[in-house]
């Protein structure tokens, strides 16, 4: 077989070159185009292409015979993104968010059915939010919790609610399952979640989901302020800022508008 005469290093270089070339052509490349573009013998290119296709890194379109990127590449991207420190990625973006809205910002993940703060950037001034890194929050009573919950399957959500319930934190807390499910529908449609004094009286919060390269909710970003600070006039600005921060963190994790969303 012609490719067998190549050194392992040459075969690897050619395989990586093929992946890079195909990744830059959304419409794909044929065997002949790859051979010509990379100056690889057609028989060698064919051998490498078949190997990459078998492993799921490339997909061959049956109609035009062109090779496009396969879904296996998403696994690699996810592994790289998760190998990075999520807090390190998010912190400068949270700092920008705080400078823009002058509210305390948080980053949270879902752990054992609860929203857990893993990063916090406090707003300047005399008003302090009763939050800290490591604090655990109910998913039904907080904006970040709702943002995280909106990415769960019905089975996952039912398991959490069965274990943790819908505890009444304030008179405004959602304690009916049907109403909470409806609320999550709004979160998915709007792209953000609200906590209107549902966890603490006098405090309003806005949260938005952060997606990874696979289109799954990886974390949530949110801001918190007093009801005087987060009001009808300021709310649109804060919502846009939180969604933009979530979008920027998602992009750092490899998410794009072309990524599948679960």
Protein backbone atom coordinates (compact mmCIF):
# COMPACT_ATOMS: atom_id res chain seq x y z
CA UNK A 1 0.00 0.00 0.00
CA UNK A 2 1.62 3.31 -1.04
CA UNK A 3 0.97 5.07 2.28
CA UNK A 4 2.79 2.31 4.14
CA UNK A 5 6.10 3.53 2.62
CA UNK A 6 5.74 6.88 4.33
CA UNK A 7 7.41 7.50 7.64
CA UNK A 8 5.03 7.76 10.63
CA UNK A 9 5.97 11.43 11.03
CA UNK A 10 5.10 12.18 7.41
CA UNK A 11 1.74 10.43 7.71
CA UNK A 12 0.90 12.37 10.87
CA UNK A 13 1.91 15.68 9.27
CA UNK A 14 -0.25 14.93 6.26
CA UNK A 15 -3.24 13.88 8.37
CA UNK A 16 -3.05 17.11 10.40
CA UNK A 17 -2.66 19.14 7.22
CA UNK A 18 -5.77 17.51 5.78
CA UNK A 19 -7.81 18.28 8.91
CA UNK A 20 -6.67 21.90 8.89
CA UNK A 21 -7.45 22.30 5.20
CA UNK A 22 -10.93 20.76 5.48
CA UNK A 23 -11.73 22.84 8.60
CA UNK A 24 -11.24 26.00 6.54
CA UNK A 25 -13.65 24.86 3.83
CA UNK A 26 -17.22 24.51 5.18
CA UNK A 27 -18.38 23.08 1.84
CA UNK A 28 -15.72 20.39 2.01
CA UNK A 29 -12.86 19.19 -0.20
CA UNK A 30 -12.61 16.22 -2.51
CA UNK A 31 -9.73 13.74 -2.54
CA UNK A 32 -8.37 15.34 -5.72
CA UNK A 33 -8.60 18.86 -4.27
CA UNK A 34 -6.81 17.79 -1.09
CA UNK A 35 -4.11 15.99 -3.06
CA UNK A 36 -3.53 19.03 -5.26
CA UNK A 37 -3.78 21.62 -2.48
CA UNK A 38 -1.39 19.83 -0.09
CA UNK A 39 0.87 18.21 -2.70
CA UNK A 40 0.09 14.73 -1.39
CA UNK A 41 -0.04 11.74 -3.75
CA UNK A 42 -3.69 10.92 -4.42
CA UNK A 43 -3.27 7.33 -3.19
CA UNK A 44 -1.72 8.53 0.08
CA UNK A 45 -4.41 11.16 0.57
CA UNK A 46 -7.10 8.53 -0.04
CA UNK A 47 -5.56 6.21 2.56
CA UNK A 48 -5.41 8.98 5.21
CA UNK A 49 -8.90 10.24 4.39
CA UNK A 50 -10.40 6.79 4.88
CA UNK A 51 -8.63 6.46 8.24
CA UNK A 52 -9.90 9.83 9.41
CA UNK A 53 -13.39 8.98 8.22
CA UNK A 54 -13.38 5.67 10.10
CA UNK A 55 -12.44 7.46 13.31
CA UNK A 56 -15.18 10.06 12.88
CA UNK A 57 -12.88 13.07 12.32
CA UNK A 58 -14.10 13.50 8.76
CA UNK A 59 -17.43 12.83 7.06
CA UNK A 60 -17.72 12.05 3.34
CA UNK A 61 -20.79 13.39 1.57
CA UNK A 62 -22.24 10.63 -0.61
CA UNK A 63 -23.60 13.08 -3.20
CA UNK A 64 -20.50 15.12 -4.06
CA UNK A 65 -17.80 12.91 -2.53
CA UNK A 66 -16.37 15.82 -0.55
CA UNK A 67 -15.00 15.49 2.95
CA UNK A 68 -16.21 17.72 5.76
CA UNK A 69 -15.36 17.90 9.47
CA UNK A 70 -16.81 15.06 11.55
CA UNK A 71 -18.45 15.26 14.96
CA UNK A 72 -15.48 13.59 16.64
CA UNK A 73 -13.65 16.90 16.38
CA UNK A 74 -16.17 18.37 18.84
CA UNK A 75 -14.97 15.88 21.46
CA UNK A 76 -11.43 17.18 21.09
CA UNK A 77 -12.62 20.77 21.36
CA UNK A 78 -14.61 19.94 24.46
CA UNK A 79 -11.61 18.27 26.04
CA UNK A 80 -9.42 21.30 25.39
CA UNK A 81 -12.03 23.72 26.71
CA UNK A 82 -12.60 21.71 29.86
CA UNK A 83 -8.87 21.45 30.39
CA UNK A 84 -8.82 25.20 30.78
CA UNK A 85 -9.73 26.80 34.09
CA UNK A 86 -13.31 28.01 33.73
CA UNK A 87 -12.78 30.59 36.44
CA UNK A 88 -9.67 31.91 34.72
CA UNK A 89 -11.56 32.23 31.45
CA UNK A 90 -14.56 33.93 33.03
CA UNK A 91 -12.95 36.30 35.51
CA UNK A 92 -11.85 39.09 33.10
CA UNK A 93 -15.26 38.94 31.44
CA UNK A 94 -16.98 39.19 34.84
CA UNK A 95 -14.76 42.17 35.67
CA UNK A 96 -15.84 43.87 32.44
CA UNK A 97 -19.46 43.10 33.32
CA UNK A 98 -19.11 44.68 36.78
CA UNK A 99 -17.50 47.80 35.32
CA UNK A 100 -20.37 48.10 32.87
CA UNK A 101 -23.33 47.57 35.22
CA UNK A 102 -21.84 48.31 38.66
CA UNK A 103 -23.46 45.19 40.13
CA UNK A 104 -21.82 42.18 41.77
CA UNK A 105 -21.26 39.37 39.25
CA UNK A 106 -21.10 35.61 39.79
CA UNK A 107 -20.21 32.45 37.91
CA UNK A 108 -21.92 29.23 39.01
CA UNK A 109 -22.03 25.57 38.06
CA UNK A 110 -24.51 22.80 38.84
CA UNK A 111 -23.31 20.31 41.45
CA UNK A 112 -25.41 17.70 43.21
CA UNK A 113 -28.60 19.44 42.21
CA UNK A 114 -27.57 22.87 43.49
CA UNK A 115 -26.11 26.00 41.94
CA UNK A 116 -22.64 26.62 43.36
CA UNK A 117 -20.77 29.92 43.03
CA UNK A 118 -17.26 29.28 41.73
CA UNK A 119 -16.29 32.89 41.03
CA UNK A 120 -17.40 36.30 42.27
CA UNK A 121 -16.47 39.86 41.37
CA UNK A 122 -17.85 42.43 43.76
CA UNK A 123 -19.08 45.82 42.64
CA UNK A 124 -17.47 48.89 44.22
CA UNK A 125 -19.47 50.81 46.80
CA UNK A 126 -21.00 50.32 50.21
CA UNK A 127 -23.66 47.79 49.24
CA UNK A 128 -22.46 44.21 49.71
CA UNK A 129 -24.24 41.09 48.45
CA UNK A 130 -24.48 38.17 50.86
CA UNK A 131 -22.64 35.85 48.50
CA UNK A 132 -19.31 34.03 48.45
CA UNK A 133 -17.41 31.49 46.38
CA UNK A 134 -18.61 28.04 47.39
CA UNK A 135 -22.08 29.14 48.42
CA UNK A 136 -24.80 26.70 47.36
CA UNK A 137 -28.15 27.94 46.11
CA UNK A 138 -31.48 26.37 45.16
CA UNK A 139 -32.00 26.15 41.42
CA UNK A 140 -35.65 27.23 41.62
CA UNK A 141 -35.14 30.40 43.66
CA UNK A 142 -32.15 32.00 41.92
CA UNK A 143 -31.53 33.38 38.45
CA UNK A 144 -28.31 31.40 37.99
CA UNK A 145 -30.08 28.28 39.22
CA UNK A 146 -32.85 28.74 36.68
CA UNK A 147 -30.29 29.36 33.92
CA UNK A 148 -28.55 26.09 34.82
CA UNK A 149 -31.82 24.17 35.19
CA UNK A 150 -33.04 25.31 31.77
CA UNK A 151 -30.34 23.14 30.21
CA UNK A 152 -31.39 19.94 31.97
CA UNK A 153 -33.50 17.15 30.55
CA UNK A 154 -36.90 16.55 32.13
CA UNK A 155 -35.56 13.39 33.80
CA UNK A 156 -32.58 15.22 35.29
CA UNK A 157 -34.78 18.05 36.50
CA UNK A 158 -37.34 15.69 38.06
CA UNK A 159 -34.57 13.91 39.97
CA UNK A 160 -33.30 17.21 41.42
CA UNK A 161 -36.75 18.47 42.37
CA UNK A 162 -37.62 15.14 43.98
CA UNK A 163 -34.48 15.34 46.10
CA UNK A 164 -34.40 19.04 46.95
CA UNK A 165 -38.01 20.08 46.59
CA UNK A 166 -39.19 23.63 45.97
CA UNK A 167 -38.35 25.26 49.27
CA UNK A 168 -40.04 28.58 50.01
CA UNK A 169 -37.27 31.13 50.58
CA UNK A 170 -39.46 34.25 50.44
CA UNK A 171 -43.14 34.99 49.74
CA UNK A 172 -42.17 35.36 46.06
CA UNK A 173 -40.42 31.99 45.67
CA UNK A 174 -41.87 29.66 43.05
CA UNK A 175 -43.05 26.56 44.91
CA UNK A 176 -45.30 24.90 42.32
CA UNK A 177 -43.63 22.47 39.94
CA UNK A 178 -45.84 23.38 36.97
CA UNK A 179 -45.10 27.07 37.42
CA UNK A 180 -41.38 26.38 37.70
CA UNK A 181 -41.40 24.35 34.48
CA UNK A 182 -43.21 27.20 32.76
CA UNK A 183 -40.58 29.60 34.10
CA UNK A 184 -37.80 27.47 32.60
CA UNK A 185 -39.60 27.61 29.26
CA UNK A 186 -39.38 31.40 29.42
CA UNK A 187 -35.66 31.17 30.26
CA UNK A 188 -34.99 29.03 27.18
CA UNK A 189 -36.96 31.41 24.96
CA UNK A 190 -35.54 34.66 26.37
CA UNK A 191 -31.98 33.48 26.96
CA UNK A 192 -31.90 34.80 30.52
CA UNK A 193 -33.46 34.17 33.94
CA UNK A 194 -34.76 36.49 36.66
CA UNK A 195 -34.89 36.21 40.43
CA UNK A 196 -37.29 38.90 41.63
CA UNK A 197 -36.82 38.77 45.42
CA UNK A 198 -37.37 35.00 45.24
CA UNK A 199 -34.27 34.10 47.25
CA UNK A 200 -33.73 37.25 49.32
CA UNK A 201 -36.15 40.09 49.97
CA UNK A 202 -34.88 43.34 48.48
CA UNK A 203 -32.55 41.66 45.98
CA UNK A 204 -33.05 41.09 42.25
CA UNK A 205 -30.75 38.96 40.09
CA UNK A 206 -30.34 38.27 36.38
CA UNK A 207 -28.64 35.14 35.04
CA UNK A 208 -27.81 33.62 31.67
CA UNK A 209 -26.54 30.18 30.64
CA UNK A 210 -22.98 29.53 29.47
CA UNK A 211 -22.66 26.86 26.77
CA UNK A 212 -19.74 24.58 25.96
CA UNK A 213 -18.56 23.40 22.54
CA UNK A 214 -21.17 20.63 22.55
CA UNK A 215 -23.99 23.10 23.07
CA UNK A 216 -24.65 21.99 26.64
CA UNK A 217 -25.08 24.37 29.57
CA UNK A 218 -21.72 24.36 31.34
CA UNK A 219 -22.26 27.21 33.81
CA UNK A 220 -24.27 30.35 34.42
CA UNK A 221 -23.27 33.98 34.80
CA UNK A 222 -25.34 36.45 36.78
CA UNK A 223 -25.50 39.83 38.48
CA UNK A 224 -27.16 40.82 41.74
CA UNK A 225 -28.37 44.15 43.05
CA UNK A 226 -31.00 45.79 45.20
CA UNK A 227 -34.52 46.34 43.89
CA UNK A 228 -33.71 50.05 43.71
CA UNK A 229 -30.74 49.32 41.45
CA UNK A 230 -32.43 46.69 39.28
CA UNK A 231 -35.64 48.38 38.20
CA UNK A 232 -37.79 48.85 35.11
CA UNK A 233 -35.46 51.51 33.72
CA UNK A 234 -32.16 49.66 34.25
CA UNK A 235 -33.37 46.11 33.59
CA UNK A 236 -33.00 46.09 29.76
CA UNK A 237 -29.39 47.27 30.00
CA UNK A 238 -28.53 44.69 32.65
CA UNK A 239 -30.16 41.85 30.71
CA UNK A 240 -28.20 42.70 27.56
CA UNK A 241 -24.95 42.94 29.54
CA UNK A 242 -25.42 39.58 31.26
CA UNK A 243 -26.34 37.82 28.02
CA UNK A 244 -23.30 39.32 26.31
CA UNK A 245 -21.01 38.18 29.13
CA UNK A 246 -22.46 34.67 28.91
CA UNK A 247 -21.98 34.72 25.13
CA UNK A 248 -18.32 35.74 25.50
CA UNK A 249 -17.57 33.00 28.04
CA UNK A 250 -19.39 30.46 25.87
CA UNK A 251 -17.25 31.47 22.90
CA UNK A 252 -14.11 30.93 24.98
CA UNK A 253 -15.35 27.41 25.70
CA UNK A 254 -15.73 26.70 21.99
CA UNK A 255 -19.44 27.37 21.57
CA UNK A 256 -20.64 29.07 18.40
CA UNK A 257 -23.94 29.65 16.66
CA UNK A 258 -23.16 26.56 14.59
CA UNK A 259 -22.77 24.33 17.66
CA UNK A 260 -25.67 21.99 18.43
CA UNK A 261 -27.68 23.10 21.45
CA UNK A 262 -29.08 20.54 23.86
